[in-house]
Amino acid sequence: MPAYLAEFEAEYRRLGPQSFVRAYPWPVLIVSGIGGVLKGNASRSGTMIAMNSDLLQATALAGRVFPVLKGRNSVRGPVTIGRTSDNDLVIPEYTISTRHCLLALVDGEYRLTDMGTTNGTLVNEVPLTPRKPCRLQGGETMRMGRFSLLFHLPRGFGEFLRQRTQPEDQGQDDFGNDNKKVM
């Protein structure tokens, strides 16, 4: 299975939109950024201090796509997200708590619950109240530890990839300007 965004883009081009969504029918979390101020490792000025090897390890996760699904031998229930291998979705980084949050499908809706973490969980820059579920619709930006992540439902992920893989002379550029050639 692909692990990074570029690999999913290639798979999307290879399969096409409908086949891609059938082949990958689960939501995803995409590591879209690294940074931020953390409670546990901040200097007096409030900025994070990182060693070179620490930064290299963290940047290796940039562009990583995590399918949101239960592990093969996991017990039924919500998808657990955390730093350690006993989680369904493992983000191996010290700013992610051991059991950071839960993502559950309840009555056809996805709900994210922060488990009372040190660094908290934000959805669209709003801090979650610990142990109180937040409804997700797809397309949200989350922050866990020092990582920004995008949450996409399967069709939304397909649309996200379509926009990223369209030829440069079509659609819009990164600034929202129309790129279509006029004849």
N, C-alpha and C. Protein backbone atom coordinates (compact mmCIF):
# COMPACT_ATOMS: atom_id res chain seq x y z
N MET A 1 0.84 -1.17 0.00
CA MET A 1 0.00 0.00 0.00
C MET A 1 0.90 1.25 0.00
N PRO A 2 0.49 2.27 -0.75
CA PRO A 2 1.26 3.51 -0.75
C PRO A 2 1.35 4.09 0.67
N ALA A 3 2.42 4.83 0.95
CA ALA A 3 2.60 5.41 2.27
C ALA A 3 2.67 6.95 2.22
N TYR A 4 3.14 7.50 1.12
CA TYR A 4 3.32 8.94 1.00
C TYR A 4 2.41 9.52 -0.07
N LEU A 5 2.15 10.81 0.04
CA LEU A 5 1.22 11.49 -0.85
C LEU A 5 1.60 11.30 -2.32
N ALA A 6 2.87 11.41 -2.65
CA ALA A 6 3.30 11.24 -4.05
C ALA A 6 2.95 9.84 -4.57
N GLU A 7 3.05 8.83 -3.72
CA GLU A 7 2.70 7.47 -4.12
C GLU A 7 1.19 7.34 -4.34
N PHE A 8 0.39 7.99 -3.51
CA PHE A 8 -1.06 7.97 -3.71
C PHE A 8 -1.45 8.73 -4.97
N GLU A 9 -0.74 9.83 -5.27
CA GLU A 9 -1.00 10.56 -6.50
C GLU A 9 -0.75 9.69 -7.72
N ALA A 10 0.34 8.95 -7.71
CA ALA A 10 0.65 8.04 -8.82
C ALA A 10 -0.42 6.95 -8.94
N GLU A 11 -0.86 6.44 -7.81
CA GLU A 11 -1.91 5.41 -7.80
C GLU A 11 -3.23 5.98 -8.33
N TYR A 12 -3.55 7.21 -7.98
CA TYR A 12 -4.76 7.87 -8.47
C TYR A 12 -4.70 8.02 -9.99
N ARG A 13 -3.56 8.47 -10.51
CA ARG A 13 -3.41 8.59 -11.97
C ARG A 13 -3.53 7.24 -12.66
N ARG A 14 -2.96 6.20 -12.04
CA ARG A 14 -2.98 4.87 -12.63
C ARG A 14 -4.39 4.27 -12.66
N LEU A 15 -5.13 4.43 -11.56
CA LEU A 15 -6.44 3.79 -11.43
C LEU A 15 -7.61 4.62 -11.96
N GLY A 16 -7.50 5.93 -11.88
CA GLY A 16 -8.62 6.80 -12.21
C GLY A 16 -9.49 7.01 -10.97
N PRO A 17 -10.35 8.03 -11.01
CA PRO A 17 -11.11 8.43 -9.82
C PRO A 17 -11.99 7.35 -9.20
N GLN A 18 -12.85 6.71 -9.98
CA GLN A 18 -13.78 5.73 -9.42
C GLN A 18 -13.06 4.50 -8.88
N SER A 19 -12.12 3.98 -9.63
CA SER A 19 -11.38 2.79 -9.18
C SER A 19 -10.53 3.11 -7.95
N PHE A 20 -10.00 4.33 -7.89
CA PHE A 20 -9.20 4.71 -6.73
C PHE A 20 -10.03 4.67 -5.45
N VAL A 21 -11.22 5.27 -5.49
CA VAL A 21 -12.08 5.30 -4.30
C VAL A 21 -12.52 3.90 -3.91
N ARG A 22 -12.73 3.03 -4.88
CA ARG A 22 -13.09 1.63 -4.56
C ARG A 22 -11.90 0.90 -3.94
N ALA A 23 -10.69 1.19 -4.42
CA ALA A 23 -9.49 0.51 -3.92
C ALA A 23 -9.08 1.02 -2.54
N TYR A 24 -9.42 2.27 -2.23
CA TYR A 24 -9.02 2.88 -0.94
C TYR A 24 -10.26 3.49 -0.27
N PRO A 25 -11.14 2.63 0.28
CA PRO A 25 -12.45 3.09 0.78
C PRO A 25 -12.47 3.56 2.24
N TRP A 26 -11.39 4.13 2.73
CA TRP A 26 -11.36 4.57 4.13
C TRP A 26 -10.86 6.01 4.20
N PRO A 27 -11.17 6.69 5.29
CA PRO A 27 -10.65 8.04 5.48
C PRO A 27 -9.13 8.01 5.67
N VAL A 28 -8.50 9.17 5.52
CA VAL A 28 -7.05 9.28 5.70
C VAL A 28 -6.70 10.52 6.51
N LEU A 29 -5.55 10.46 7.14
CA LEU A 29 -4.90 11.62 7.75
C LEU A 29 -3.60 11.83 6.99
N ILE A 30 -3.37 13.05 6.52
CA ILE A 30 -2.17 13.39 5.76
C ILE A 30 -1.34 14.37 6.58
N VAL A 31 -0.08 14.05 6.82
CA VAL A 31 0.81 14.97 7.53
C VAL A 31 1.13 16.10 6.56
N SER A 32 0.60 17.30 6.87
CA SER A 32 0.75 18.43 5.95
C SER A 32 1.72 19.49 6.43
N GLY A 33 2.14 19.41 7.69
CA GLY A 33 3.07 20.41 8.19
C GLY A 33 3.65 20.03 9.53
N ILE A 34 4.75 20.69 9.88
CA ILE A 34 5.45 20.43 11.14
C ILE A 34 5.78 21.78 11.75
N GLY A 35 5.58 21.90 13.06
CA GLY A 35 5.94 23.12 13.75
C GLY A 35 5.02 23.37 14.91
N GLY A 36 5.13 24.52 15.54
CA GLY A 36 4.24 24.90 16.62
C GLY A 36 4.93 25.01 17.95
N VAL A 37 4.19 25.52 18.89
CA VAL A 37 4.67 25.67 20.26
C VAL A 37 4.05 24.56 21.10
N LEU A 38 4.89 23.87 21.84
CA LEU A 38 4.43 22.74 22.64
C LEU A 38 4.64 23.02 24.11
N LYS A 39 3.79 22.43 24.94
CA LYS A 39 3.86 22.64 26.38
C LYS A 39 5.06 21.95 27.00
N GLY A 40 5.37 20.75 26.60
CA GLY A 40 6.40 19.97 27.25
C GLY A 40 7.83 20.32 26.87
N ASN A 41 8.08 20.85 25.70
CA ASN A 41 9.46 21.08 25.23
C ASN A 41 9.66 22.51 24.74
N ALA A 42 9.15 23.46 25.46
CA ALA A 42 9.29 24.85 25.03
C ALA A 42 10.34 25.55 25.86
N SER A 43 11.03 26.47 25.24
CA SER A 43 11.98 27.30 25.98
C SER A 43 11.19 28.40 26.68
N ARG A 44 11.85 29.26 27.42
CA ARG A 44 11.16 30.36 28.12
C ARG A 44 10.46 31.30 27.15
N SER A 45 10.99 31.42 25.95
CA SER A 45 10.38 32.31 24.97
C SER A 45 9.16 31.68 24.31
N GLY A 46 8.91 30.40 24.58
CA GLY A 46 7.75 29.73 24.01
C GLY A 46 8.02 29.07 22.68
N THR A 47 9.26 29.09 22.21
CA THR A 47 9.57 28.43 20.95
C THR A 47 10.10 27.03 21.22
N MET A 48 9.86 26.15 20.29
CA MET A 48 10.29 24.77 20.44
C MET A 48 11.76 24.65 20.07
N ILE A 49 12.46 23.84 20.84
CA ILE A 49 13.87 23.56 20.56
C ILE A 49 13.96 22.16 19.98
N ALA A 50 14.59 22.03 18.84
CA ALA A 50 14.71 20.71 18.21
C ALA A 50 16.16 20.45 17.84
N MET A 51 16.59 19.24 18.05
CA MET A 51 17.93 18.84 17.65
C MET A 51 17.86 18.42 16.18
N ASN A 52 19.00 18.43 15.48
CA ASN A 52 19.03 18.09 14.07
C ASN A 52 18.44 16.71 13.79
N SER A 53 18.82 15.69 14.56
CA SER A 53 18.31 14.34 14.30
C SER A 53 16.81 14.28 14.57
N ASP A 54 16.34 15.02 15.58
CA ASP A 54 14.93 15.08 15.89
C ASP A 54 14.15 15.70 14.73
N LEU A 55 14.67 16.78 14.19
CA LEU A 55 14.03 17.45 13.07
C LEU A 55 14.02 16.57 11.82
N LEU A 56 15.10 15.87 11.57
CA LEU A 56 15.14 14.95 10.43
C LEU A 56 14.09 13.86 10.56
N GLN A 57 13.95 13.31 11.76
CA GLN A 57 12.95 12.26 11.97
C GLN A 57 11.55 12.80 11.75
N ALA A 58 11.28 13.99 12.26
CA ALA A 58 9.95 14.58 12.10
C ALA A 58 9.65 14.90 10.64
N THR A 59 10.62 15.46 9.91
CA THR A 59 10.37 15.81 8.51
C THR A 59 10.18 14.57 7.64
N ALA A 60 10.68 13.43 8.09
CA ALA A 60 10.46 12.19 7.34
C ALA A 60 8.98 11.83 7.30
N LEU A 61 8.20 12.38 8.23
CA LEU A 61 6.76 12.11 8.25
C LEU A 61 5.97 13.08 7.36
N ALA A 62 6.59 14.14 6.88
CA ALA A 62 5.90 15.10 6.01
C ALA A 62 5.41 14.40 4.75
N GLY A 63 4.15 14.62 4.42
CA GLY A 63 3.57 13.99 3.25
C GLY A 63 3.12 12.56 3.48
N ARG A 64 3.27 12.06 4.68
CA ARG A 64 2.86 10.68 5.01
C ARG A 64 1.33 10.63 5.06
N VAL A 65 0.77 9.60 4.49
CA VAL A 65 -0.68 9.39 4.49
C VAL A 65 -0.97 8.19 5.38
N PHE A 66 -1.81 8.42 6.39
CA PHE A 66 -2.19 7.35 7.31
C PHE A 66 -3.64 6.96 7.07
N PRO A 67 -3.90 5.75 6.55
CA PRO A 67 -5.28 5.28 6.43
C PRO A 67 -5.89 5.15 7.83
N VAL A 68 -7.11 5.60 7.99
CA VAL A 68 -7.80 5.53 9.28
C VAL A 68 -8.61 4.22 9.29
N LEU A 69 -7.97 3.17 9.81
CA LEU A 69 -8.64 1.88 9.91
C LEU A 69 -8.06 1.07 11.05
N LYS A 70 -8.83 0.11 11.50
CA LYS A 70 -8.42 -0.73 12.61
C LYS A 70 -7.29 -1.66 12.17
N GLY A 71 -6.41 -1.96 13.13
CA GLY A 71 -5.36 -2.94 12.88
C GLY A 71 -5.96 -4.32 12.69
N ARG A 72 -5.24 -5.19 12.03
CA ARG A 72 -5.74 -6.52 11.70
C ARG A 72 -6.22 -7.31 12.92
N ASN A 73 -5.49 -7.28 14.01
CA ASN A 73 -5.84 -8.05 15.21
C ASN A 73 -6.41 -7.19 16.32
N SER A 74 -6.89 -6.00 15.99
CA SER A 74 -7.41 -5.09 17.01
C SER A 74 -8.82 -5.49 17.45
N VAL A 75 -9.14 -5.09 18.66
CA VAL A 75 -10.50 -5.29 19.16
C VAL A 75 -11.41 -4.27 18.49
N ARG A 76 -12.68 -4.58 18.41
CA ARG A 76 -13.65 -3.67 17.80
C ARG A 76 -13.71 -2.37 18.57
N GLY A 77 -14.13 -1.34 17.91
CA GLY A 77 -14.26 -0.04 18.56
C GLY A 77 -13.61 1.04 17.73
N PRO A 78 -13.42 2.22 18.34
CA PRO A 78 -12.84 3.33 17.59
C PRO A 78 -11.39 3.07 17.21
N VAL A 79 -10.93 3.79 16.20
CA VAL A 79 -9.53 3.74 15.79
C VAL A 79 -8.74 4.56 16.81
N THR A 80 -7.73 3.94 17.40
CA THR A 80 -6.89 4.66 18.35
C THR A 80 -5.70 5.25 17.60
N ILE A 81 -5.36 6.50 17.95
CA ILE A 81 -4.25 7.20 17.32
C ILE A 81 -3.28 7.60 18.42
N GLY A 82 -2.02 7.24 18.24
CA GLY A 82 -1.03 7.58 19.24
C GLY A 82 0.37 7.22 18.81
N ARG A 83 1.30 7.42 19.73
CA ARG A 83 2.73 7.26 19.45
C ARG A 83 3.19 5.81 19.50
N THR A 84 2.54 4.96 20.29
CA THR A 84 3.05 3.61 20.52
C THR A 84 2.38 2.57 19.64
N SER A 85 3.03 1.43 19.52
CA SER A 85 2.60 0.39 18.60
C SER A 85 1.29 -0.29 18.98
N ASP A 86 0.76 -0.05 20.16
CA ASP A 86 -0.51 -0.66 20.53
C ASP A 86 -1.71 0.14 20.01
N ASN A 87 -1.46 1.19 19.22
CA ASN A 87 -2.52 1.97 18.58
C ASN A 87 -2.79 1.42 17.19
N ASP A 88 -3.99 1.70 16.68
CA ASP A 88 -4.33 1.30 15.30
C ASP A 88 -3.57 2.17 14.30
N LEU A 89 -3.45 3.46 14.59
CA LEU A 89 -2.74 4.39 13.73
C LEU A 89 -1.60 4.96 14.55
N VAL A 90 -0.38 4.60 14.17
CA VAL A 90 0.81 4.98 14.93
C VAL A 90 1.54 6.13 14.25
N ILE A 91 1.70 7.23 14.99
CA ILE A 91 2.50 8.35 14.53
C ILE A 91 3.71 8.38 15.46
N PRO A 92 4.83 7.81 15.01
CA PRO A 92 5.99 7.60 15.90
C PRO A 92 6.79 8.86 16.16
N GLU A 93 6.27 9.70 17.05
CA GLU A 93 6.90 10.99 17.31
C GLU A 93 6.59 11.40 18.74
N TYR A 94 7.59 11.90 19.46
CA TYR A 94 7.44 12.14 20.88
C TYR A 94 6.42 13.21 21.25
N THR A 95 6.02 14.10 20.33
CA THR A 95 5.03 15.12 20.66
C THR A 95 3.60 14.60 20.55
N ILE A 96 3.46 13.38 20.07
CA ILE A 96 2.16 12.70 20.04
C ILE A 96 2.08 11.86 21.31
N SER A 97 0.97 11.94 22.01
CA SER A 97 0.83 11.19 23.26
C SER A 97 0.72 9.69 22.98
N THR A 98 1.00 8.91 24.02
CA THR A 98 0.93 7.45 23.92
C THR A 98 -0.41 7.03 23.32
N ARG A 99 -1.51 7.52 23.84
CA ARG A 99 -2.86 7.32 23.29
C ARG A 99 -3.42 8.72 23.12
N HIS A 100 -3.21 9.30 21.95
CA HIS A 100 -3.52 10.72 21.72
C HIS A 100 -5.02 10.97 21.56
N CYS A 101 -5.63 10.24 20.64
CA CYS A 101 -7.06 10.47 20.40
C CYS A 101 -7.71 9.22 19.82
N LEU A 102 -9.04 9.29 19.75
CA LEU A 102 -9.84 8.21 19.18
C LEU A 102 -10.63 8.79 18.01
N LEU A 103 -10.81 7.99 16.98
CA LEU A 103 -11.65 8.37 15.85
C LEU A 103 -12.67 7.26 15.65
N ALA A 104 -13.94 7.63 15.83
CA ALA A 104 -15.01 6.62 15.78
C ALA A 104 -16.04 6.98 14.72
N LEU A 105 -16.60 5.96 14.11
CA LEU A 105 -17.73 6.12 13.20
C LEU A 105 -18.99 5.85 14.01
N VAL A 106 -19.79 6.90 14.22
CA VAL A 106 -20.99 6.80 15.04
C VAL A 106 -22.17 7.32 14.22
N ASP A 107 -23.15 6.47 13.98
CA ASP A 107 -24.34 6.86 13.21
C ASP A 107 -23.98 7.51 11.88
N GLY A 108 -22.97 6.97 11.19
CA GLY A 108 -22.58 7.46 9.88
C GLY A 108 -21.70 8.71 9.90
N GLU A 109 -21.31 9.17 11.10
CA GLU A 109 -20.45 10.35 11.22
C GLU A 109 -19.15 9.98 11.91
N TYR A 110 -18.07 10.64 11.49
CA TYR A 110 -16.80 10.43 12.17
C TYR A 110 -16.69 11.43 13.31
N ARG A 111 -16.23 10.93 14.46
CA ARG A 111 -16.07 11.77 15.65
C ARG A 111 -14.67 11.56 16.22
N LEU A 112 -13.99 12.67 16.45
CA LEU A 112 -12.64 12.67 16.99
C LEU A 112 -12.70 13.08 18.45
N THR A 113 -12.00 12.33 19.31
CA THR A 113 -11.98 12.62 20.74
C THR A 113 -10.54 12.67 21.23
N ASP A 114 -10.15 13.82 21.80
CA ASP A 114 -8.84 13.96 22.43
C ASP A 114 -8.90 13.22 23.77
N MET A 115 -7.84 12.49 24.09
CA MET A 115 -7.84 11.66 25.31
C MET A 115 -7.20 12.37 26.51
N GLY A 116 -7.20 13.70 26.52
CA GLY A 116 -6.61 14.44 27.62
C GLY A 116 -5.11 14.57 27.48
N THR A 117 -4.64 14.84 26.29
CA THR A 117 -3.22 14.85 25.96
C THR A 117 -2.51 16.09 26.49
N THR A 118 -1.20 16.00 26.63
CA THR A 118 -0.38 17.12 27.08
C THR A 118 -0.44 18.28 26.10
N ASN A 119 -0.26 18.01 24.82
CA ASN A 119 -0.22 19.07 23.80
C ASN A 119 -1.57 19.34 23.16
N GLY A 120 -2.57 18.56 23.49
CA GLY A 120 -3.92 18.78 22.97
C GLY A 120 -4.08 18.40 21.52
N THR A 121 -5.31 18.53 21.05
CA THR A 121 -5.68 18.28 19.66
C THR A 121 -6.52 19.46 19.22
N LEU A 122 -6.20 20.02 18.07
CA LEU A 122 -6.97 21.13 17.52
C LEU A 122 -7.61 20.68 16.21
N VAL A 123 -8.83 21.12 15.97
CA VAL A 123 -9.50 20.89 14.69
C VAL A 123 -9.86 22.26 14.14
N ASN A 124 -9.33 22.57 12.96
CA ASN A 124 -9.50 23.89 12.34
C ASN A 124 -9.12 25.00 13.34
N GLU A 125 -8.00 24.80 14.04
CA GLU A 125 -7.41 25.73 15.00
C GLU A 125 -8.23 25.90 16.28
N VAL A 126 -9.26 25.09 16.50
CA VAL A 126 -10.05 25.14 17.72
C VAL A 126 -9.63 23.98 18.62
N PRO A 127 -9.17 24.27 19.85
CA PRO A 127 -8.77 23.17 20.75
C PRO A 127 -9.96 22.31 21.14
N LEU A 128 -9.78 21.00 21.09
CA LEU A 128 -10.84 20.10 21.53
C LEU A 128 -10.87 20.03 23.04
N THR A 129 -12.06 19.90 23.58
CA THR A 129 -12.23 19.64 25.00
C THR A 129 -11.91 18.17 25.21
N PRO A 130 -10.99 17.86 26.15
CA PRO A 130 -10.65 16.44 26.37
C PRO A 130 -11.88 15.58 26.62
N ARG A 131 -11.88 14.43 25.97
CA ARG A 131 -12.90 13.40 26.10
C ARG A 131 -14.31 13.82 25.63
N LYS A 132 -14.38 14.89 24.86
CA LYS A 132 -15.65 15.32 24.27
C LYS A 132 -15.53 15.20 22.75
N PRO A 133 -16.32 14.32 22.14
CA PRO A 133 -16.20 14.09 20.70
C PRO A 133 -16.51 15.33 19.86
N CYS A 134 -15.76 15.45 18.75
CA CYS A 134 -15.95 16.51 17.77
C CYS A 134 -16.31 15.85 16.44
N ARG A 135 -17.40 16.27 15.84
CA ARG A 135 -17.86 15.71 14.58
C ARG A 135 -16.99 16.21 13.42
N LEU A 136 -16.59 15.29 12.55
CA LEU A 136 -15.78 15.62 11.37
C LEU A 136 -16.59 15.35 10.12
N GLN A 137 -16.43 16.22 9.13
CA GLN A 137 -17.14 16.05 7.86
C GLN A 137 -16.20 15.75 6.71
N GLY A 138 -14.91 15.89 6.94
CA GLY A 138 -13.92 15.72 5.89
C GLY A 138 -13.42 17.08 5.44
N GLY A 139 -12.12 17.18 5.22
CA GLY A 139 -11.51 18.44 4.81
C GLY A 139 -10.96 19.26 5.97
N GLU A 140 -11.10 18.78 7.20
CA GLU A 140 -10.61 19.52 8.36
C GLU A 140 -9.09 19.45 8.45
N THR A 141 -8.54 20.51 9.07
CA THR A 141 -7.12 20.53 9.42
C THR A 141 -7.05 20.24 10.91
N MET A 142 -6.18 19.32 11.28
CA MET A 142 -6.00 18.96 12.69
C MET A 142 -4.57 19.28 13.08
N ARG A 143 -4.38 19.50 14.36
CA ARG A 143 -3.03 19.62 14.87
C ARG A 143 -2.91 18.69 16.07
N MET A 144 -1.92 17.81 16.00
CA MET A 144 -1.59 16.88 17.08
C MET A 144 -0.10 17.02 17.32
N GLY A 145 0.28 17.32 18.55
CA GLY A 145 1.69 17.56 18.82
C GLY A 145 2.18 18.67 17.92
N ARG A 146 3.29 18.47 17.26
CA ARG A 146 3.81 19.51 16.37
C ARG A 146 3.44 19.30 14.91
N PHE A 147 2.47 18.43 14.66
CA PHE A 147 2.08 18.11 13.29
C PHE A 147 0.73 18.70 12.92
N SER A 148 0.64 19.21 11.69
CA SER A 148 -0.63 19.57 11.08
C SER A 148 -1.00 18.41 10.18
N LEU A 149 -2.27 18.03 10.25
CA LEU A 149 -2.75 16.91 9.43
C LEU A 149 -4.05 17.31 8.76
N LEU A 150 -4.27 16.79 7.57
CA LEU A 150 -5.55 16.96 6.88
C LEU A 150 -6.35 15.68 7.03
N PHE A 151 -7.63 15.81 7.31
CA PHE A 151 -8.52 14.65 7.40
C PHE A 151 -9.42 14.65 6.17
N HIS A 152 -9.41 13.53 5.44
CA HIS A 152 -10.26 13.41 4.27
C HIS A 152 -11.04 12.11 4.31
N LEU A 153 -12.32 12.18 3.95
CA LEU A 153 -13.12 10.99 3.69
C LEU A 153 -12.69 10.46 2.33
N PRO A 154 -13.05 9.22 1.98
CA PRO A 154 -12.55 8.64 0.71
C PRO A 154 -12.81 9.50 -0.52
N ARG A 155 -14.03 9.98 -0.71
CA ARG A 155 -14.31 10.80 -1.91
C ARG A 155 -13.58 12.13 -1.85
N GLY A 156 -13.47 12.71 -0.66
CA GLY A 156 -12.74 13.96 -0.50
C GLY A 156 -11.25 13.79 -0.78
N PHE A 157 -10.71 12.64 -0.39
CA PHE A 157 -9.30 12.35 -0.68
C PHE A 157 -9.10 12.21 -2.18
N GLY A 158 -10.04 11.55 -2.85
CA GLY A 158 -9.98 11.44 -4.30
C GLY A 158 -10.01 12.80 -4.98
N GLU A 159 -10.87 13.69 -4.50
CA GLU A 159 -10.96 15.05 -5.05
C GLU A 159 -9.68 15.83 -4.77
N PHE A 160 -9.13 15.68 -3.58
CA PHE A 160 -7.87 16.32 -3.20
C PHE A 160 -6.76 15.87 -4.17
N LEU A 161 -6.70 14.57 -4.45
CA LEU A 161 -5.68 14.05 -5.37
C LEU A 161 -5.94 14.52 -6.80
N ARG A 162 -7.21 14.58 -7.20
CA ARG A 162 -7.54 15.06 -8.55
C ARG A 162 -7.01 16.48 -8.75
N GLN A 163 -7.23 17.34 -7.75
CA GLN A 163 -6.76 18.72 -7.85
C GLN A 163 -5.24 18.79 -7.90
N ARG A 164 -4.57 17.91 -7.17
CA ARG A 164 -3.11 17.91 -7.14
C ARG A 164 -2.50 17.33 -8.41
N THR A 165 -3.23 16.46 -9.10
CA THR A 165 -2.67 15.78 -10.27
C THR A 165 -3.14 16.35 -11.60
N GLN A 166 -4.01 17.35 -11.57
CA GLN A 166 -4.47 17.90 -12.85
C GLN A 166 -3.32 18.60 -13.56
N PRO A 167 -3.32 18.60 -14.88
CA PRO A 167 -2.25 19.26 -15.63
C PRO A 167 -2.13 20.74 -15.22
N GLU A 168 -0.93 21.27 -15.29
CA GLU A 168 -0.66 22.63 -14.85
C GLU A 168 -1.42 23.68 -15.64
N ASP A 169 -1.81 23.40 -16.88
CA ASP A 169 -2.49 24.41 -17.68
C ASP A 169 -4.00 24.40 -17.46
N GLN A 170 -4.49 23.66 -16.50
CA GLN A 170 -5.92 23.63 -16.19
C GLN A 170 -6.14 24.04 -14.76
N GLY A 171 -7.37 24.43 -14.45
CA GLY A 171 -7.73 24.71 -13.08
C GLY A 171 -7.12 26.00 -12.57
N GLN A 172 -6.76 26.02 -11.27
CA GLN A 172 -6.21 27.20 -10.65
C GLN A 172 -4.84 26.92 -10.09
N ASP A 173 -4.03 27.96 -10.00
CA ASP A 173 -2.72 27.80 -9.38
C ASP A 173 -2.87 27.86 -7.86
N ASP A 174 -1.76 27.82 -7.14
CA ASP A 174 -1.78 27.82 -5.68
C ASP A 174 -2.38 29.09 -5.09
N PHE A 175 -2.51 30.14 -5.90
CA PHE A 175 -3.01 31.41 -5.41
C PHE A 175 -4.46 31.66 -5.84
N GLY A 176 -5.11 30.66 -6.45
CA GLY A 176 -6.51 30.80 -6.85
C GLY A 176 -6.71 31.47 -8.19
N ASN A 177 -5.64 31.69 -8.96
CA ASN A 177 -5.76 32.33 -10.28
C ASN A 177 -6.11 31.27 -11.32
N ASP A 178 -6.96 31.66 -12.25
CA ASP A 178 -7.38 30.75 -13.31
C ASP A 178 -6.22 30.50 -14.26
N ASN A 179 -5.89 29.21 -14.49
CA ASN A 179 -4.77 28.85 -15.36
C ASN A 179 -5.21 28.38 -16.74
N LYS A 180 -6.51 28.31 -16.99
CA LYS A 180 -6.97 27.78 -18.29
C LYS A 180 -6.52 28.69 -19.41
N LYS A 181 -6.04 28.06 -20.47
CA LYS A 181 -5.55 28.83 -21.62
C LYS A 181 -6.76 29.31 -22.43
N VAL A 182 -6.71 30.56 -22.80
CA VAL A 182 -7.76 31.16 -23.60
C VAL A 182 -7.28 31.22 -25.05
N MET A 183 -8.12 30.78 -25.95
CA MET A 183 -7.73 30.78 -27.37
C MET A 183 -8.55 31.78 -28.13
